[in-house]
Amino acid sequence: MKIIVNVDVMMAKRKISSNDLAEKIGITPANFSVLKTGKAKAIRFSTLMALCHELQCQPGDILEFIDD
């Protein structure tokens, strides 16, 4: 079982760069990179809400559960 982070897909649809999005949601580019690459072990609800707000999407558009 794993959670796939599809934030890069939503970024491409909205035509926004990693650095711009990181700045808008208030996290460092390094921390955003960890999240974007799926290496993060957790995400704060406040960060998820900020991502959804900026990308104008739902949490399910960003996070996907895969049951192996």
Protein backbone atom coordinates (compact mmCIF):
# COMPACT_ATOMS: atom_id res chain seq x y z
CA MET A 1 0.00 0.00 0.00
CA LYS A 2 1.22 3.47 -0.79
CA ILE A 3 0.11 7.02 -1.33
CA ILE A 4 1.06 8.61 -4.65
CA VAL A 5 1.49 12.40 -4.76
CA ASN A 6 0.20 13.83 -8.05
CA VAL A 7 0.94 17.47 -7.33
CA ASP A 8 3.16 17.66 -10.43
CA VAL A 9 0.18 16.70 -12.62
CA MET A 10 -1.93 19.47 -11.13
CA MET A 11 0.95 21.94 -11.46
CA ALA A 12 1.25 21.13 -15.16
CA LYS A 13 -2.51 21.60 -15.66
CA ARG A 14 -2.35 24.99 -13.90
CA LYS A 15 0.97 25.98 -15.52
CA ILE A 16 2.72 26.91 -12.27
CA SER A 17 6.34 26.25 -11.32
CA SER A 18 7.53 24.50 -8.18
CA ASN A 19 9.20 27.62 -6.82
CA ASP A 20 6.12 29.78 -7.41
CA LEU A 21 3.80 27.26 -5.79
CA ALA A 22 6.12 26.73 -2.81
CA GLU A 23 6.22 30.47 -2.24
CA LYS A 24 2.43 30.83 -2.52
CA ILE A 25 1.74 28.04 -0.01
CA GLY A 26 4.45 29.19 2.39
CA ILE A 27 6.97 26.34 2.40
CA THR A 28 10.57 26.20 1.27
CA PRO A 29 11.39 24.93 -2.22
CA ALA A 30 13.39 22.11 -0.60
CA ASN A 31 10.42 20.94 1.48
CA PHE A 32 8.13 21.26 -1.52
CA SER A 33 10.53 19.08 -3.52
CA VAL A 34 10.34 16.37 -0.85
CA LEU A 35 6.55 16.50 -1.03
CA LYS A 36 6.41 16.58 -4.83
CA THR A 37 8.72 13.60 -5.27
CA GLY A 38 6.67 11.49 -2.87
CA LYS A 39 9.44 11.21 -0.27
CA ALA A 40 7.45 12.98 2.43
CA LYS A 41 6.17 10.80 5.26
CA ALA A 42 3.40 13.22 6.21
CA ILE A 43 1.63 16.39 5.11
CA ARG A 44 -0.02 18.96 7.32
CA PHE A 45 -3.67 19.67 6.64
CA SER A 46 -2.80 23.36 6.42
CA THR A 47 -0.31 22.59 3.62
CA LEU A 48 -2.83 20.37 1.85
CA MET A 49 -5.48 23.08 2.13
CA ALA A 50 -3.06 25.68 0.76
CA LEU A 51 -2.19 23.39 -2.16
CA CYS A 52 -5.85 22.80 -2.95
CA HIS A 53 -6.58 26.51 -2.72
CA GLU A 54 -3.73 27.55 -5.04
CA LEU A 55 -4.28 24.72 -7.53
CA GLN A 56 -8.09 25.00 -7.27
CA CYS A 57 -8.53 21.27 -6.80
CA GLN A 58 -9.63 18.65 -4.27
CA PRO A 59 -7.28 16.59 -2.02
CA GLY A 60 -8.09 13.51 -4.12
CA ASP A 61 -6.64 15.28 -7.16
CA ILE A 62 -3.30 15.51 -5.37
CA LEU A 63 -3.17 12.30 -3.30
CA GLU A 64 -3.90 8.80 -4.60
CA PHE A 65 -4.04 5.55 -2.62
CA ILE A 66 -2.62 2.41 -4.28
CA ASP A 67 -3.36 -0.96 -2.67
CA ASP A 68 -0.67 -3.38 -3.78
